[in-house]
Amino acid sequence: MRLLSNAIYMNDVKKAAECGINWDKLKDSSIVISGATGLIGSFLIDTVMYRNINNGMNCNIYALGRSILKAENRFSEYFDNDSFKFVQCDICKPETITIDDSIDYVFHAASNTHPVAYASDPIGTITVNVIGLQSLLEFARIHNSKRFLFASSNEIYGENRGDSEKFDEDYCGYINSNTLRAGYPESKRVSEALCQAYIKQYGMDIVIPRLTRSFGATMLDTDTKAVSQFIKKGVNRENIVLKSKGDQFYSFTYVPDAVTGVLYCLTEAVSGEAYNISTELCDITLRDLAQLIADYAGTKVIFNIPDETESLGFSKVTKAILDSAKLQNIGWKPCFDIKTGIAHTIEIIRAMEGLI
């Protein structure tokens, strides 16, 4: 089954497409999206294309990615639509971004986002965040874009110092920069600073959505995040493997809520500001998350020690709960709790893989 033929998935897309932003700001506009086939980028594209097809929004999407085959597989329904254009490129090489048209918005969502990638491709983890970001910032500057969004991460907060129950946007915890694992959070930190530099030096309009641990049916098969591994086991009705005691207490976000948060940042946020995208409806310990998925799948939670490569990519943070009051103050409201998001994700993937 194709993703866009799945009723649960399309209802989630419809719900996101009916969020309360001022959609008129995107009407007859154009947006460049890097990381187009990723978890966030692909759902955002489906949401905007839903508005194009059903509401005549006429927002031209330029989806950036390295693989034309991957893009054709994911977005085959759109390749004959005039509002969708795939641009095969390497964002770390600006000469490959061959777009001559006027561009209103740019969303940089390309990044390694899971433990094995951090450990096996540490250079790529850093460069796509920093060099890729500068490449797209220069692109947006040259094209006089209205607004630029950089997808940052909850990881920039580092370890909880024990002085805060929730991280607001001004919190800053400890990160040991002299480690392999630091490549991801430190590159996100310097990328945020680079955004501020472009605001100061070139007067650009830039907003930084800080995404937390997101999940959904658009996750990649190669994703090794704990929640993604748990979901894969749940899809196949296998025991959930927990590679720690599971005491870690984290914020999670179901992808439709993550994308509506991005859309509010795109249309309603203040330039130069960062906004946490999270909901207390999805705050949960890893152990409880594993048990939730095991209960849904009718299986058990078992404990296992990770291999050396995988453990190198694990976060050392044990508590990371984000405060989304700032985003909610500009109108964003989450729609999904953790139980609903997990159930939808498992059922959608099972249908796609013919496991129902």
Protein backbone atom coordinates (compact mmCIF):
# COMPACT_ATOMS: atom_id res chain seq x y z
CA MET A 1 0.00 0.00 0.00
CA ARG A 2 1.15 3.52 -0.81
CA LEU A 3 1.40 5.94 2.12
CA LEU A 4 -0.95 8.43 0.47
CA SER A 5 -3.54 5.66 0.05
CA ASN A 6 -3.68 4.96 3.77
CA ALA A 7 -6.79 6.40 5.42
CA ILE A 8 -5.19 6.87 8.86
CA TYR A 9 -2.19 8.67 7.38
CA MET A 10 -4.30 10.92 5.19
CA ASN A 11 -6.57 11.81 8.12
CA ASP A 12 -3.45 12.86 10.02
CA VAL A 13 -2.31 14.92 7.02
CA LYS A 14 -5.77 16.50 6.77
CA LYS A 15 -5.67 17.39 10.46
CA ALA A 16 -2.30 19.07 10.03
CA ALA A 17 -3.49 20.84 6.89
CA GLU A 18 -6.42 22.29 8.85
CA CYS A 19 -4.29 23.74 11.65
CA GLY A 20 -5.11 27.34 12.43
CA ILE A 21 -2.21 29.16 10.77
CA ASN A 22 -2.75 31.91 8.25
CA TRP A 23 -2.49 29.77 5.12
CA ASP A 24 -2.86 32.87 2.96
CA LYS A 25 0.81 33.62 3.71
CA LEU A 26 1.74 30.50 1.74
CA LYS A 27 -0.72 31.04 -1.10
CA ASP A 28 1.02 31.58 -4.45
CA SER A 29 4.41 31.33 -2.71
CA SER A 30 7.40 29.01 -3.07
CA ILE A 31 9.31 26.97 -0.50
CA VAL A 32 12.57 25.04 -0.60
CA ILE A 33 12.73 22.03 1.73
CA SER A 34 15.97 20.15 2.38
CA GLY A 35 15.76 16.68 3.86
CA ALA A 36 12.65 16.25 1.74
CA THR A 37 12.36 12.47 2.12
CA GLY A 38 12.99 12.54 5.88
CA LEU A 39 10.56 12.20 8.76
CA ILE A 40 9.68 15.89 9.04
CA GLY A 41 10.30 17.09 5.49
CA SER A 42 8.17 14.44 3.79
CA PHE A 43 5.17 14.97 6.09
CA LEU A 44 5.45 18.72 5.59
CA ILE A 45 5.42 18.21 1.83
CA ASP A 46 2.32 16.01 2.07
CA THR A 47 0.61 18.66 4.18
CA VAL A 48 1.37 21.53 1.81
CA MET A 49 0.46 19.41 -1.22
CA TYR A 50 -2.85 18.54 0.44
CA ARG A 51 -3.59 22.27 0.65
CA ASN A 52 -2.49 22.73 -2.96
CA ILE A 53 -4.72 19.93 -4.23
CA ASN A 54 -7.76 20.51 -2.03
CA ASN A 55 -7.64 24.23 -1.30
CA GLY A 56 -5.95 25.71 -4.37
CA MET A 57 -3.10 27.18 -2.34
CA ASN A 58 -0.63 27.07 -5.25
CA CYS A 59 2.48 26.86 -3.08
CA ASN A 60 5.39 25.66 -5.19
CA ILE A 61 7.57 23.09 -3.41
CA TYR A 62 11.22 22.55 -4.27
CA ALA A 63 12.18 19.29 -2.56
CA LEU A 64 15.93 18.86 -2.14
CA GLY A 65 17.58 15.46 -1.87
CA ARG A 66 20.50 13.35 -3.02
CA SER A 67 18.56 10.42 -4.47
CA ILE A 68 16.14 10.77 -7.36
CA LEU A 69 15.10 7.14 -6.91
CA LYS A 70 14.21 7.68 -3.27
CA ALA A 71 12.26 10.82 -4.18
CA GLU A 72 10.38 9.11 -7.00
CA ASN A 73 9.42 6.28 -4.68
CA ARG A 74 8.25 8.60 -1.92
CA PHE A 75 6.60 11.32 -4.01
CA SER A 76 5.52 9.55 -7.21
CA GLU A 77 1.99 10.97 -6.82
CA TYR A 78 3.37 14.50 -7.14
CA PHE A 79 5.91 14.21 -9.94
CA ASP A 80 3.35 15.25 -12.56
CA ASN A 81 2.00 18.08 -10.39
CA ASP A 82 3.20 21.55 -11.42
CA SER A 83 3.46 22.57 -7.74
CA PHE A 84 6.11 19.95 -6.95
CA LYS A 85 9.70 19.94 -8.17
CA PHE A 86 12.46 17.62 -6.98
CA VAL A 87 16.01 19.01 -7.09
CA GLN A 88 18.75 16.40 -6.87
CA CYS A 89 21.67 18.02 -5.08
CA ASP A 90 24.21 17.91 -2.27
CA ILE A 91 23.42 20.88 -0.04
CA CYS A 92 27.05 21.03 1.10
CA LYS A 93 27.90 21.87 -2.51
CA PRO A 94 25.92 25.02 -3.32
CA GLU A 95 26.65 24.82 -7.04
CA THR A 96 24.41 21.71 -7.20
CA ILE A 97 21.31 23.59 -5.98
CA THR A 98 20.10 24.57 -9.43
CA ILE A 99 17.04 26.73 -8.77
CA ASP A 100 16.68 29.98 -10.66
CA ASP A 101 13.10 30.78 -9.65
CA SER A 102 12.05 33.23 -6.96
CA ILE A 103 11.94 31.55 -3.54
CA ASP A 104 9.89 32.90 -0.62
CA TYR A 105 10.77 30.41 2.12
CA VAL A 106 13.59 27.97 2.88
CA PHE A 107 13.38 25.16 5.45
CA HIS A 108 16.62 23.35 6.25
CA ALA A 109 15.56 19.97 7.65
CA ALA A 110 18.37 17.75 6.34
CA SER A 111 20.40 16.10 9.09
CA ASN A 112 21.59 12.82 10.53
CA THR A 113 19.21 12.26 13.43
CA HIS A 114 19.91 8.84 14.92
CA PRO A 115 22.67 7.11 16.95
CA VAL A 116 24.25 4.84 14.34
CA ALA A 117 24.54 7.74 11.89
CA TYR A 118 26.22 9.90 14.54
CA ALA A 119 28.80 7.17 15.14
CA SER A 120 29.30 5.88 11.59
CA ASP A 121 29.13 9.24 9.77
CA PRO A 122 30.35 11.79 12.32
CA ILE A 123 31.79 14.14 9.69
CA GLY A 124 28.58 14.13 7.67
CA THR A 125 26.60 14.72 10.85
CA ILE A 126 28.47 17.96 11.45
CA THR A 127 28.87 19.20 7.89
CA VAL A 128 25.24 18.88 6.81
CA ASN A 129 24.24 20.98 9.81
CA VAL A 130 26.92 23.65 9.46
CA ILE A 131 28.19 23.69 5.86
CA GLY A 132 24.82 22.65 4.47
CA LEU A 133 23.18 25.38 6.52
CA GLN A 134 25.54 28.07 5.26
CA SER A 135 24.99 26.90 1.71
CA LEU A 136 21.23 27.29 2.09
CA LEU A 137 21.54 30.58 3.98
CA GLU A 138 23.55 31.96 1.06
CA PHE A 139 20.94 30.58 -1.33
CA ALA A 140 18.15 32.30 0.62
CA ARG A 141 20.13 35.55 0.83
CA ILE A 142 20.80 35.64 -2.90
CA HIS A 143 17.15 34.83 -3.64
CA ASN A 144 15.89 37.49 -1.18
CA SER A 145 13.73 34.92 0.58
CA LYS A 146 11.14 36.19 3.06
CA ARG A 147 11.97 33.74 5.82
CA PHE A 148 14.45 30.97 6.59
CA LEU A 149 13.81 28.11 9.03
CA PHE A 150 16.58 26.02 10.54
CA ALA A 151 15.43 22.75 12.13
CA SER A 152 17.34 22.60 15.39
CA SER A 153 17.02 20.02 18.14
CA ASN A 154 16.29 19.43 21.81
CA GLU A 155 19.87 18.13 21.92
CA ILE A 156 21.26 21.68 22.03
CA TYR A 157 20.17 21.88 25.68
CA GLY A 158 22.73 19.29 26.75
CA GLU A 159 22.48 17.55 30.10
CA ASN A 160 19.95 18.73 32.64
CA ARG A 161 21.87 20.47 35.42
CA GLY A 162 19.20 19.44 37.91
CA ASP A 163 17.92 22.98 38.22
CA SER A 164 14.95 22.79 35.85
CA GLU A 165 11.97 20.52 35.34
CA LYS A 166 11.55 21.71 31.74
CA PHE A 167 13.87 23.34 29.23
CA ASP A 168 12.70 26.71 27.98
CA GLU A 169 14.43 28.31 25.02
CA ASP A 170 17.04 30.06 27.22
CA TYR A 171 18.25 26.93 29.02
CA CYS A 172 21.81 25.71 28.42
CA GLY A 173 23.13 22.48 29.92
CA TYR A 174 26.47 20.69 29.78
CA ILE A 175 27.89 19.04 26.65
CA ASN A 176 31.38 17.51 26.60
CA SER A 177 32.51 18.85 23.22
CA ASN A 178 35.56 16.57 23.10
CA THR A 179 33.59 13.44 22.24
CA LEU A 180 32.36 11.80 19.07
CA ARG A 181 28.74 12.04 20.23
CA ALA A 182 29.04 15.82 20.63
CA GLY A 183 29.13 16.26 16.85
CA TYR A 184 25.34 16.39 16.60
CA PRO A 185 24.39 18.77 19.45
CA GLU A 186 27.43 21.01 19.04
CA SER A 187 26.84 21.37 15.29
CA LYS A 188 23.24 22.33 16.04
CA ARG A 189 24.50 24.91 18.54
CA VAL A 190 26.98 26.49 16.15
CA SER A 191 24.35 26.41 13.40
CA GLU A 192 21.99 28.43 15.56
CA ALA A 193 24.83 30.92 16.13
CA LEU A 194 25.40 31.05 12.36
CA CYS A 195 21.73 31.92 11.90
CA GLN A 196 22.14 34.81 14.33
CA ALA A 197 25.22 35.95 12.40
CA TYR A 198 23.23 36.09 9.15
CA ILE A 199 20.47 38.02 10.89
CA LYS A 200 22.98 40.57 12.15
CA GLN A 201 25.17 40.82 9.07
CA TYR A 202 22.58 40.58 6.30
CA GLY A 203 19.30 41.47 8.01
CA MET A 204 17.76 38.12 7.16
CA ASP A 205 14.51 36.85 8.66
CA ILE A 206 15.35 33.53 10.36
CA VAL A 207 13.41 31.41 12.86
CA ILE A 208 14.68 28.33 14.68
CA PRO A 209 12.17 25.57 15.49
CA ARG A 210 13.71 23.20 18.04
CA LEU A 211 12.30 19.75 17.38
CA THR A 212 12.28 17.05 20.02
CA ARG A 213 12.34 13.27 19.58
CA SER A 214 9.83 12.91 16.75
CA PHE A 215 8.23 9.76 15.39
CA GLY A 216 5.70 8.70 12.79
CA ALA A 217 5.10 6.58 9.72
CA THR A 218 7.44 8.78 7.65
CA MET A 219 10.47 7.66 9.68
CA LEU A 220 13.28 6.12 7.64
CA ASP A 221 13.98 2.37 7.66
CA THR A 222 17.55 3.15 8.74
CA ASP A 223 16.48 5.15 11.80
CA THR A 224 18.08 3.74 14.97
CA LYS A 225 16.52 6.07 17.54
CA ALA A 226 15.03 4.17 20.49
CA VAL A 227 11.44 5.10 19.65
CA SER A 228 11.93 4.03 16.02
CA GLN A 229 13.40 0.69 17.06
CA PHE A 230 10.55 0.13 19.51
CA ILE A 231 8.00 0.91 16.79
CA LYS A 232 9.64 -1.49 14.31
CA LYS A 233 9.38 -4.26 16.89
CA GLY A 234 5.77 -3.35 17.57
CA VAL A 235 4.94 -3.42 13.88
CA ASN A 236 6.30 -6.97 13.63
CA ARG A 237 4.71 -8.03 16.94
CA GLU A 238 8.13 -8.78 18.43
CA ASN A 239 9.40 -8.19 21.94
CA ILE A 240 10.55 -4.61 22.54
CA VAL A 241 14.30 -4.41 23.17
CA LEU A 242 15.32 -1.84 25.78
CA LYS A 243 19.06 -1.12 25.83
CA SER A 244 19.13 0.56 29.25
CA LYS A 245 17.08 0.60 32.45
CA GLY A 246 14.74 2.97 30.65
CA ASP A 247 14.78 5.69 33.31
CA GLN A 248 15.42 8.39 30.71
CA PHE A 249 12.55 10.90 30.73
CA TYR A 250 12.06 12.61 27.37
CA SER A 251 9.69 14.73 25.33
CA PHE A 252 8.44 13.07 22.14
CA THR A 253 6.31 14.49 19.31
CA TYR A 254 4.11 12.73 16.77
CA VAL A 255 5.07 14.00 13.32
CA PRO A 256 1.80 15.84 12.46
CA ASP A 257 2.23 17.96 15.60
CA ALA A 258 5.90 18.51 14.80
CA VAL A 259 4.97 19.74 11.32
CA THR A 260 2.22 22.08 12.50
CA GLY A 261 4.78 23.49 14.93
CA VAL A 262 7.11 24.12 12.00
CA LEU A 263 4.27 25.80 10.09
CA TYR A 264 3.56 28.13 13.00
CA CYS A 265 7.26 29.01 13.07
CA LEU A 266 7.10 29.69 9.34
CA THR A 267 4.04 31.93 9.44
CA GLU A 268 3.60 33.34 12.95
CA ALA A 269 6.96 33.39 14.77
CA VAL A 270 9.26 36.32 15.53
CA SER A 271 12.47 36.54 13.52
CA GLY A 272 15.59 35.61 15.46
CA GLU A 273 13.70 33.55 18.01
CA ALA A 274 13.87 29.82 18.79
CA TYR A 275 10.72 27.83 19.58
CA ASN A 276 10.43 24.45 21.29
CA ILE A 277 8.09 22.03 19.51
CA SER A 278 6.89 19.57 22.14
CA THR A 279 3.80 18.55 24.08
CA GLU A 280 3.36 17.23 27.60
CA LEU A 281 0.91 14.75 26.06
CA CYS A 282 3.99 12.89 24.81
CA ASP A 283 6.37 13.24 27.78
CA ILE A 284 7.30 9.71 28.86
CA THR A 285 10.17 7.54 30.13
CA LEU A 286 11.79 5.10 27.71
CA ARG A 287 10.67 2.21 29.89
CA ASP A 288 7.03 3.34 29.83
CA LEU A 289 7.25 3.99 26.11
CA ALA A 290 8.59 0.49 25.51
CA GLN A 291 5.83 -0.97 27.67
CA LEU A 292 3.17 1.07 25.87
CA ILE A 293 4.27 -0.32 22.51
CA ALA A 294 4.66 -3.86 23.87
CA ASP A 295 1.14 -3.75 25.31
CA TYR A 296 -0.22 -2.52 21.97
CA ALA A 297 1.63 -5.26 20.09
CA GLY A 298 0.81 -7.97 22.62
CA THR A 299 4.49 -8.65 23.36
CA LYS A 300 7.00 -8.07 26.16
CA VAL A 301 9.85 -5.71 27.01
CA ILE A 302 13.28 -7.31 27.22
CA PHE A 303 16.63 -5.76 28.11
CA ASN A 304 19.76 -5.96 25.94
CA ILE A 305 23.20 -4.29 25.89
CA PRO A 306 23.93 -2.25 22.74
CA ASP A 307 26.94 -2.96 20.55
CA GLU A 308 29.94 -0.63 20.67
CA THR A 309 29.16 1.33 17.50
CA GLU A 310 25.56 1.96 18.47
CA SER A 311 26.37 2.92 22.06
CA LEU A 312 28.82 5.56 20.82
CA GLY A 313 25.88 7.37 19.29
CA PHE A 314 23.63 7.25 22.34
CA SER A 315 22.74 10.42 24.17
CA LYS A 316 24.00 10.65 27.75
CA VAL A 317 21.09 12.90 28.70
CA THR A 318 18.72 11.29 31.21
CA LYS A 319 16.03 13.98 31.41
CA ALA A 320 15.02 16.32 28.60
CA ILE A 321 11.51 17.73 28.87
CA LEU A 322 10.83 20.76 26.72
CA ASP A 323 8.56 23.69 27.56
CA SER A 324 6.47 24.67 24.52
CA ALA A 325 4.68 27.65 26.12
CA LYS A 326 6.40 30.09 23.75
CA LEU A 327 5.12 28.27 20.65
CA GLN A 328 1.66 27.86 22.14
CA ASN A 329 1.56 31.60 22.81
CA ILE A 330 1.62 32.24 19.05
CA GLY A 331 -1.31 29.88 18.51
CA TRP A 332 0.09 26.36 18.13
CA LYS A 333 -1.83 23.55 19.80
CA PRO A 334 -0.86 19.84 19.78
CA CYS A 335 -3.50 17.36 18.65
CA PHE A 336 -2.03 13.95 19.50
CA ASP A 337 -1.05 12.17 22.71
CA ILE A 338 1.67 9.50 22.80
CA LYS A 339 -0.76 6.57 22.79
CA THR A 340 -2.64 7.80 19.71
CA GLY A 341 0.55 8.68 17.85
CA ILE A 342 2.09 5.27 18.50
CA ALA A 343 -1.09 3.43 17.49
CA HIS A 344 -1.41 5.42 14.25
CA THR A 345 2.26 4.88 13.38
CA ILE A 346 2.13 1.11 13.92
CA GLU A 347 -1.12 0.64 12.01
CA ILE A 348 0.03 2.77 9.07
CA ILE A 349 3.34 0.93 8.74
CA ARG A 350 1.67 -2.47 9.12
CA ALA A 351 -0.72 -1.58 6.29
CA MET A 352 2.13 -0.36 4.09
CA GLU A 353 4.09 -3.56 4.69
CA GLY A 354 1.06 -5.81 4.22
CA LEU A 355 1.15 -7.05 7.81
CA ILE A 356 -2.52 -6.47 8.63
